[in-house]
Amino acid sequence: MKLSLPPKSRLFAAAAILGAAAVQASPDDDRRAVAELDTAYQAAVKRNDADAMARILHPQFVLVVGTGKAYNREDLLASARNADITYEQQDEEAGTQVVRVWGDTAVVTALLWIKGTRKGEALERRLWFSDTYVRTKDGWKYVFGQASLPLPGQRK
């Protein structure tokens, strides 16, 4: 027997099926998705691409750096729009990225190499970071970051 559903009901059924599939993503699929998203975020920062950053950042985003200073989403987007830093490097060191997933929360850790200029002064450092992502109705969003002080022997 063939069921015939009105168009609105078909759309609702399709959305329910897709939503169920998203909820049932495997931990490996989630790890891959978050790893790719975090790499894309670092690339957006490197390009000072505030629009790409805005798509990834959660509205309540907070970054805490090694000195304890906190920055919110708008702070980072304004910095990108103003091109406060011109980056040569803003890349995770190959092989250092680890993604851990617990349900709707994921944490990325990696060693980051930053090199560029800020207000005409050279900037280069390597530091460890942890980026926390949460699954939302709009997909994974970067909600909290913590960055270490520059590693020993690095310029500030």
N, C-alpha and C. Protein backbone atom coordinates (compact mmCIF):
# COMPACT_ATOMS: atom_id res chain seq x y z
N MET A 1 0.84 -1.17 0.00
CA MET A 1 0.00 0.00 0.00
C MET A 1 0.89 1.24 0.00
N LYS A 2 0.61 2.18 -0.88
CA LYS A 2 1.39 3.40 -1.01
C LYS A 2 0.70 4.51 -0.22
N LEU A 3 1.50 5.21 0.60
CA LEU A 3 0.95 6.33 1.36
C LEU A 3 1.16 7.61 0.57
N SER A 4 0.17 8.43 0.53
CA SER A 4 0.27 9.71 -0.15
C SER A 4 0.16 10.80 0.91
N LEU A 5 1.21 11.57 1.05
CA LEU A 5 1.22 12.64 2.05
C LEU A 5 1.13 13.99 1.35
N PRO A 6 0.44 14.95 1.97
CA PRO A 6 0.44 16.31 1.42
C PRO A 6 1.86 16.88 1.44
N PRO A 7 2.16 17.86 0.58
CA PRO A 7 3.52 18.41 0.50
C PRO A 7 4.09 18.85 1.84
N LYS A 8 3.29 19.53 2.68
CA LYS A 8 3.79 19.97 3.98
C LYS A 8 4.20 18.78 4.85
N SER A 9 3.42 17.73 4.81
CA SER A 9 3.72 16.54 5.60
C SER A 9 4.98 15.86 5.09
N ARG A 10 5.16 15.84 3.76
CA ARG A 10 6.38 15.24 3.19
C ARG A 10 7.61 16.02 3.63
N LEU A 11 7.51 17.35 3.62
CA LEU A 11 8.62 18.19 4.05
C LEU A 11 8.95 17.94 5.51
N PHE A 12 7.91 17.85 6.35
CA PHE A 12 8.11 17.58 7.77
C PHE A 12 8.77 16.21 7.97
N ALA A 13 8.31 15.22 7.24
CA ALA A 13 8.87 13.87 7.35
C ALA A 13 10.34 13.86 6.93
N ALA A 14 10.65 14.56 5.84
CA ALA A 14 12.05 14.61 5.38
C ALA A 14 12.93 15.29 6.42
N ALA A 15 12.44 16.39 7.00
CA ALA A 15 13.22 17.09 8.02
C ALA A 15 13.43 16.21 9.25
N ALA A 16 12.40 15.46 9.63
CA ALA A 16 12.53 14.57 10.80
C ALA A 16 13.57 13.48 10.53
N ILE A 17 13.56 12.93 9.32
CA ILE A 17 14.53 11.89 8.99
C ILE A 17 15.94 12.46 8.98
N LEU A 18 16.13 13.64 8.36
CA LEU A 18 17.45 14.25 8.33
C LEU A 18 17.92 14.63 9.73
N GLY A 19 17.01 15.15 10.54
CA GLY A 19 17.36 15.50 11.92
C GLY A 19 17.77 14.27 12.71
N ALA A 20 17.07 13.17 12.54
CA ALA A 20 17.42 11.93 13.23
C ALA A 20 18.78 11.43 12.78
N ALA A 21 19.08 11.57 11.49
CA ALA A 21 20.39 11.13 10.98
C ALA A 21 21.50 11.97 11.59
N ALA A 22 21.27 13.29 11.72
CA ALA A 22 22.29 14.16 12.29
C ALA A 22 22.54 13.82 13.75
N VAL A 23 21.47 13.53 14.49
CA VAL A 23 21.61 13.20 15.90
C VAL A 23 22.38 11.90 16.06
N GLN A 24 22.24 10.98 15.10
CA GLN A 24 22.87 9.68 15.20
C GLN A 24 24.22 9.61 14.49
N ALA A 25 24.85 10.78 14.23
CA ALA A 25 26.17 10.77 13.63
C ALA A 25 27.11 9.99 14.55
N SER A 26 28.01 9.25 13.95
CA SER A 26 28.94 8.46 14.76
C SER A 26 29.98 9.38 15.40
N PRO A 27 30.59 8.94 16.49
CA PRO A 27 31.66 9.75 17.10
C PRO A 27 32.79 10.03 16.11
N ASP A 28 33.12 9.08 15.23
CA ASP A 28 34.16 9.33 14.23
C ASP A 28 33.74 10.41 13.25
N ASP A 29 32.46 10.39 12.84
CA ASP A 29 31.95 11.43 11.94
C ASP A 29 32.01 12.79 12.64
N ASP A 30 31.62 12.82 13.91
CA ASP A 30 31.67 14.08 14.67
C ASP A 30 33.11 14.57 14.80
N ARG A 31 34.04 13.67 15.11
CA ARG A 31 35.45 14.07 15.22
C ARG A 31 35.96 14.68 13.91
N ARG A 32 35.65 14.02 12.81
CA ARG A 32 36.08 14.53 11.51
C ARG A 32 35.47 15.89 11.22
N ALA A 33 34.17 16.03 11.48
CA ALA A 33 33.48 17.29 11.21
C ALA A 33 34.07 18.44 12.03
N VAL A 34 34.32 18.19 13.31
CA VAL A 34 34.86 19.23 14.18
C VAL A 34 36.32 19.54 13.81
N ALA A 35 37.10 18.53 13.47
CA ALA A 35 38.49 18.74 13.04
C ALA A 35 38.52 19.64 11.82
N GLU A 36 37.67 19.34 10.84
CA GLU A 36 37.62 20.16 9.62
C GLU A 36 37.15 21.58 9.92
N LEU A 37 36.18 21.71 10.80
CA LEU A 37 35.66 23.02 11.16
C LEU A 37 36.72 23.85 11.87
N ASP A 38 37.47 23.23 12.77
CA ASP A 38 38.50 23.98 13.49
C ASP A 38 39.63 24.40 12.55
N THR A 39 40.00 23.53 11.63
CA THR A 39 41.02 23.88 10.64
C THR A 39 40.51 25.03 9.76
N ALA A 40 39.23 24.98 9.39
CA ALA A 40 38.64 26.06 8.59
C ALA A 40 38.62 27.37 9.39
N TYR A 41 38.37 27.27 10.70
CA TYR A 41 38.37 28.47 11.53
C TYR A 41 39.76 29.10 11.54
N GLN A 42 40.80 28.28 11.75
CA GLN A 42 42.17 28.81 11.78
C GLN A 42 42.51 29.48 10.44
N ALA A 43 42.07 28.89 9.33
CA ALA A 43 42.32 29.47 8.01
C ALA A 43 41.58 30.80 7.86
N ALA A 44 40.36 30.89 8.39
CA ALA A 44 39.60 32.15 8.32
C ALA A 44 40.30 33.24 9.12
N VAL A 45 40.82 32.89 10.30
CA VAL A 45 41.57 33.86 11.10
C VAL A 45 42.79 34.34 10.30
N LYS A 46 43.50 33.42 9.69
CA LYS A 46 44.70 33.76 8.91
C LYS A 46 44.37 34.75 7.80
N ARG A 47 43.19 34.61 7.17
CA ARG A 47 42.77 35.50 6.08
C ARG A 47 42.07 36.77 6.59
N ASN A 48 41.88 36.86 7.92
CA ASN A 48 41.07 37.94 8.49
C ASN A 48 39.69 37.95 7.87
N ASP A 49 39.11 36.78 7.70
CA ASP A 49 37.80 36.61 7.07
C ASP A 49 36.72 36.59 8.16
N ALA A 50 36.27 37.77 8.53
CA ALA A 50 35.30 37.91 9.62
C ALA A 50 33.99 37.19 9.31
N ASP A 51 33.58 37.18 8.05
CA ASP A 51 32.32 36.50 7.70
C ASP A 51 32.42 35.00 7.95
N ALA A 52 33.51 34.39 7.53
CA ALA A 52 33.70 32.94 7.76
C ALA A 52 33.81 32.66 9.26
N MET A 53 34.53 33.52 9.98
CA MET A 53 34.65 33.35 11.43
C MET A 53 33.27 33.43 12.08
N ALA A 54 32.45 34.39 11.66
CA ALA A 54 31.12 34.59 12.25
C ALA A 54 30.24 33.36 12.06
N ARG A 55 30.39 32.67 10.93
CA ARG A 55 29.58 31.47 10.68
C ARG A 55 29.96 30.34 11.64
N ILE A 56 31.19 30.32 12.11
CA ILE A 56 31.68 29.24 12.97
C ILE A 56 31.52 29.57 14.45
N LEU A 57 31.67 30.83 14.80
CA LEU A 57 31.62 31.22 16.22
C LEU A 57 30.19 31.21 16.76
N HIS A 58 30.05 30.66 17.95
CA HIS A 58 28.78 30.67 18.68
C HIS A 58 28.51 32.12 19.14
N PRO A 59 27.25 32.54 19.19
CA PRO A 59 26.94 33.90 19.65
C PRO A 59 27.50 34.22 21.04
N GLN A 60 27.64 33.23 21.91
CA GLN A 60 28.15 33.46 23.27
C GLN A 60 29.63 33.11 23.41
N PHE A 61 30.35 33.10 22.31
CA PHE A 61 31.76 32.72 22.29
C PHE A 61 32.61 33.55 23.26
N VAL A 62 33.59 32.87 23.88
CA VAL A 62 34.59 33.52 24.73
C VAL A 62 35.94 32.85 24.47
N LEU A 63 36.99 33.66 24.36
CA LEU A 63 38.37 33.19 24.27
C LEU A 63 39.13 33.72 25.47
N VAL A 64 39.82 32.84 26.19
CA VAL A 64 40.67 33.25 27.31
C VAL A 64 42.11 32.92 26.92
N VAL A 65 42.95 33.95 26.91
CA VAL A 65 44.36 33.74 26.55
C VAL A 65 45.19 33.51 27.80
N GLY A 66 46.45 33.16 27.59
CA GLY A 66 47.33 32.76 28.69
C GLY A 66 47.50 33.78 29.80
N THR A 67 47.30 35.05 29.50
CA THR A 67 47.40 36.09 30.53
C THR A 67 46.13 36.19 31.37
N GLY A 68 45.08 35.50 30.95
CA GLY A 68 43.80 35.57 31.64
C GLY A 68 42.82 36.55 31.00
N LYS A 69 43.29 37.33 30.03
CA LYS A 69 42.39 38.27 29.35
C LYS A 69 41.37 37.49 28.52
N ALA A 70 40.12 37.97 28.55
CA ALA A 70 39.05 37.32 27.81
C ALA A 70 38.58 38.21 26.66
N TYR A 71 38.26 37.56 25.55
CA TYR A 71 37.74 38.24 24.37
C TYR A 71 36.43 37.57 23.99
N ASN A 72 35.49 38.36 23.49
CA ASN A 72 34.23 37.78 23.04
C ASN A 72 34.19 37.71 21.52
N ARG A 73 33.09 37.21 21.01
CA ARG A 73 32.92 37.04 19.56
C ARG A 73 33.15 38.34 18.81
N GLU A 74 32.52 39.42 19.28
CA GLU A 74 32.64 40.71 18.59
C GLU A 74 34.07 41.24 18.62
N ASP A 75 34.81 40.99 19.71
CA ASP A 75 36.21 41.40 19.77
C ASP A 75 37.00 40.77 18.63
N LEU A 76 36.83 39.46 18.43
CA LEU A 76 37.57 38.75 17.39
C LEU A 76 37.13 39.18 16.00
N LEU A 77 35.84 39.35 15.80
CA LEU A 77 35.36 39.77 14.49
C LEU A 77 35.84 41.18 14.14
N ALA A 78 35.84 42.09 15.11
CA ALA A 78 36.34 43.44 14.87
C ALA A 78 37.82 43.42 14.54
N SER A 79 38.58 42.60 15.26
CA SER A 79 40.02 42.48 14.98
C SER A 79 40.27 41.99 13.56
N ALA A 80 39.47 41.03 13.12
CA ALA A 80 39.61 40.52 11.75
C ALA A 80 39.22 41.60 10.74
N ARG A 81 38.11 42.28 10.97
CA ARG A 81 37.67 43.33 10.04
C ARG A 81 38.71 44.45 9.91
N ASN A 82 39.36 44.77 11.03
CA ASN A 82 40.38 45.83 11.04
C ASN A 82 41.75 45.32 10.59
N ALA A 83 41.86 44.00 10.38
CA ALA A 83 43.14 43.38 10.04
C ALA A 83 44.23 43.83 11.02
N ASP A 84 43.91 43.72 12.33
CA ASP A 84 44.86 44.11 13.37
C ASP A 84 46.16 43.34 13.25
N ILE A 85 46.09 42.10 12.79
CA ILE A 85 47.29 41.28 12.57
C ILE A 85 47.28 40.83 11.11
N THR A 86 48.42 40.97 10.46
CA THR A 86 48.60 40.42 9.12
C THR A 86 49.39 39.13 9.31
N TYR A 87 48.78 38.01 8.94
CA TYR A 87 49.36 36.70 9.22
C TYR A 87 50.14 36.16 8.03
N GLU A 88 51.32 35.65 8.32
CA GLU A 88 52.04 34.78 7.38
C GLU A 88 51.69 33.33 7.72
N GLN A 89 51.63 33.06 9.01
CA GLN A 89 51.26 31.73 9.52
C GLN A 89 50.19 31.91 10.59
N GLN A 90 49.24 31.01 10.57
CA GLN A 90 48.19 30.92 11.61
C GLN A 90 47.66 29.51 11.42
N ASP A 91 48.56 28.54 11.70
CA ASP A 91 48.28 27.17 11.32
C ASP A 91 48.57 26.21 12.46
N GLU A 92 47.73 25.19 12.54
CA GLU A 92 47.99 24.10 13.48
C GLU A 92 49.19 23.32 12.97
N GLU A 93 50.11 22.99 13.89
CA GLU A 93 51.27 22.17 13.51
C GLU A 93 50.77 20.78 13.11
N ALA A 94 51.23 20.31 11.99
CA ALA A 94 50.79 19.01 11.47
C ALA A 94 50.98 17.91 12.51
N GLY A 95 49.96 17.09 12.65
CA GLY A 95 50.03 15.94 13.55
C GLY A 95 49.74 16.23 15.00
N THR A 96 49.46 17.50 15.36
CA THR A 96 49.22 17.82 16.78
C THR A 96 47.75 17.91 17.14
N GLN A 97 46.87 17.99 16.14
CA GLN A 97 45.45 18.16 16.42
C GLN A 97 44.83 16.87 16.97
N VAL A 98 44.15 17.01 18.10
CA VAL A 98 43.39 15.90 18.69
C VAL A 98 41.98 16.42 18.96
N VAL A 99 40.99 15.64 18.54
CA VAL A 99 39.59 16.01 18.77
C VAL A 99 38.96 14.95 19.66
N ARG A 100 38.36 15.41 20.74
CA ARG A 100 37.64 14.51 21.67
C ARG A 100 36.17 14.91 21.66
N VAL A 101 35.29 13.93 21.59
CA VAL A 101 33.85 14.21 21.50
C VAL A 101 33.13 13.50 22.64
N TRP A 102 32.23 14.24 23.30
CA TRP A 102 31.35 13.70 24.32
C TRP A 102 29.94 14.17 23.97
N GLY A 103 29.21 13.37 23.24
CA GLY A 103 27.84 13.74 22.86
C GLY A 103 27.80 14.99 22.00
N ASP A 104 27.24 16.06 22.56
CA ASP A 104 27.08 17.31 21.82
C ASP A 104 28.17 18.33 22.13
N THR A 105 29.27 17.86 22.73
CA THR A 105 30.41 18.73 23.04
C THR A 105 31.67 18.09 22.48
N ALA A 106 32.53 18.93 21.89
CA ALA A 106 33.80 18.45 21.35
C ALA A 106 34.89 19.44 21.72
N VAL A 107 36.09 18.92 22.00
CA VAL A 107 37.23 19.76 22.32
C VAL A 107 38.37 19.41 21.38
N VAL A 108 38.92 20.44 20.77
CA VAL A 108 40.08 20.30 19.88
C VAL A 108 41.28 20.86 20.62
N THR A 109 42.37 20.11 20.64
CA THR A 109 43.64 20.64 21.13
C THR A 109 44.66 20.53 20.01
N ALA A 110 45.54 21.50 19.93
CA ALA A 110 46.60 21.48 18.91
C ALA A 110 47.64 22.52 19.26
N LEU A 111 48.79 22.37 18.63
CA LEU A 111 49.87 23.35 18.73
C LEU A 111 49.70 24.31 17.55
N LEU A 112 49.63 25.59 17.84
CA LEU A 112 49.39 26.61 16.83
C LEU A 112 50.65 27.43 16.60
N TRP A 113 50.98 27.64 15.34
CA TRP A 113 52.11 28.51 14.96
C TRP A 113 51.53 29.79 14.39
N ILE A 114 51.87 30.90 15.02
CA ILE A 114 51.42 32.21 14.58
C ILE A 114 52.65 33.03 14.19
N LYS A 115 52.59 33.64 13.02
CA LYS A 115 53.67 34.51 12.56
C LYS A 115 53.05 35.59 11.70
N GLY A 116 53.43 36.84 11.98
CA GLY A 116 52.90 37.95 11.19
C GLY A 116 53.36 39.26 11.77
N THR A 117 52.56 40.29 11.54
CA THR A 117 52.86 41.61 12.09
C THR A 117 51.60 42.17 12.74
N ARG A 118 51.80 42.84 13.86
CA ARG A 118 50.72 43.54 14.57
C ARG A 118 51.20 44.96 14.83
N LYS A 119 50.47 45.93 14.28
CA LYS A 119 50.83 47.34 14.44
C LYS A 119 52.28 47.58 14.03
N GLY A 120 52.69 46.95 12.94
CA GLY A 120 54.04 47.15 12.40
C GLY A 120 55.13 46.36 13.10
N GLU A 121 54.81 45.64 14.14
CA GLU A 121 55.81 44.86 14.88
C GLU A 121 55.68 43.38 14.56
N ALA A 122 56.85 42.74 14.41
CA ALA A 122 56.86 41.31 14.11
C ALA A 122 56.26 40.53 15.27
N LEU A 123 55.56 39.48 14.92
CA LEU A 123 54.91 38.62 15.91
C LEU A 123 55.18 37.19 15.48
N GLU A 124 55.71 36.39 16.38
CA GLU A 124 55.85 34.96 16.10
C GLU A 124 55.82 34.21 17.41
N ARG A 125 55.01 33.17 17.44
CA ARG A 125 54.91 32.33 18.63
C ARG A 125 54.28 31.01 18.29
N ARG A 126 54.54 30.06 19.13
CA ARG A 126 53.84 28.78 19.11
C ARG A 126 53.17 28.65 20.47
N LEU A 127 51.95 28.14 20.45
CA LEU A 127 51.21 27.98 21.70
C LEU A 127 50.22 26.85 21.55
N TRP A 128 49.84 26.30 22.68
CA TRP A 128 48.81 25.26 22.69
C TRP A 128 47.46 25.93 22.88
N PHE A 129 46.46 25.36 22.25
CA PHE A 129 45.11 25.86 22.46
C PHE A 129 44.15 24.69 22.64
N SER A 130 43.03 25.01 23.26
CA SER A 130 41.88 24.10 23.35
C SER A 130 40.67 24.87 22.88
N ASP A 131 39.98 24.33 21.88
CA ASP A 131 38.78 24.95 21.34
C ASP A 131 37.59 24.03 21.64
N THR A 132 36.56 24.57 22.25
CA THR A 132 35.38 23.79 22.60
C THR A 132 34.24 24.13 21.64
N TYR A 133 33.67 23.07 21.08
CA TYR A 133 32.55 23.20 20.15
C TYR A 133 31.32 22.54 20.78
N VAL A 134 30.15 23.11 20.47
CA VAL A 134 28.88 22.50 20.89
C VAL A 134 28.01 22.29 19.65
N ARG A 135 27.27 21.19 19.69
CA ARG A 135 26.34 20.91 18.60
C ARG A 135 25.08 21.74 18.83
N THR A 136 24.67 22.49 17.83
CA THR A 136 23.46 23.30 17.89
C THR A 136 22.53 22.86 16.76
N LYS A 137 21.37 23.44 16.70
CA LYS A 137 20.44 23.13 15.61
C LYS A 137 21.04 23.55 14.26
N ASP A 138 22.02 24.45 14.27
CA ASP A 138 22.68 24.92 13.05
C ASP A 138 24.02 24.22 12.81
N GLY A 139 24.28 23.14 13.54
CA GLY A 139 25.55 22.42 13.39
C GLY A 139 26.51 22.78 14.52
N TRP A 140 27.75 22.32 14.38
CA TRP A 140 28.76 22.58 15.41
C TRP A 140 29.14 24.05 15.41
N LYS A 141 29.26 24.63 16.61
CA LYS A 141 29.67 26.02 16.78
C LYS A 141 30.80 26.10 17.81
N TYR A 142 31.76 26.96 17.54
CA TYR A 142 32.91 27.19 18.42
C TYR A 142 32.47 28.14 19.52
N VAL A 143 32.42 27.64 20.77
CA VAL A 143 31.85 28.41 21.87
C VAL A 143 32.88 28.91 22.88
N PHE A 144 33.99 28.19 23.04
CA PHE A 144 34.97 28.59 24.05
C PHE A 144 36.37 28.18 23.61
N GLY A 145 37.31 29.10 23.75
CA GLY A 145 38.70 28.80 23.43
C GLY A 145 39.60 29.20 24.57
N GLN A 146 40.67 28.47 24.72
CA GLN A 146 41.69 28.83 25.70
C GLN A 146 43.04 28.63 25.05
N ALA A 147 43.88 29.66 25.12
CA ALA A 147 45.20 29.62 24.50
C ALA A 147 46.26 29.81 25.57
N SER A 148 47.35 29.04 25.46
CA SER A 148 48.44 29.14 26.43
C SER A 148 49.26 30.41 26.18
N LEU A 149 50.12 30.70 27.12
CA LEU A 149 51.14 31.71 26.87
C LEU A 149 52.07 31.14 25.79
N PRO A 150 52.84 32.01 25.12
CA PRO A 150 53.80 31.48 24.13
C PRO A 150 54.72 30.45 24.79
N LEU A 151 55.06 29.43 24.04
CA LEU A 151 55.96 28.41 24.57
C LEU A 151 57.32 29.03 24.87
N PRO A 152 58.08 28.47 25.81
CA PRO A 152 59.39 29.01 26.16
C PRO A 152 60.27 29.19 24.91
N GLY A 153 61.02 30.30 24.91
CA GLY A 153 61.91 30.58 23.79
C GLY A 153 61.21 31.28 22.65
N GLN A 154 59.92 31.55 22.78
CA GLN A 154 59.18 32.22 21.73
C GLN A 154 59.06 33.70 22.06
N ARG A 155 59.05 34.52 21.01
CA ARG A 155 58.83 35.95 21.21
C ARG A 155 57.37 36.21 21.52
N LYS A 156 57.08 37.29 22.23
CA LYS A 156 55.70 37.64 22.56
C LYS A 156 55.09 38.48 21.48
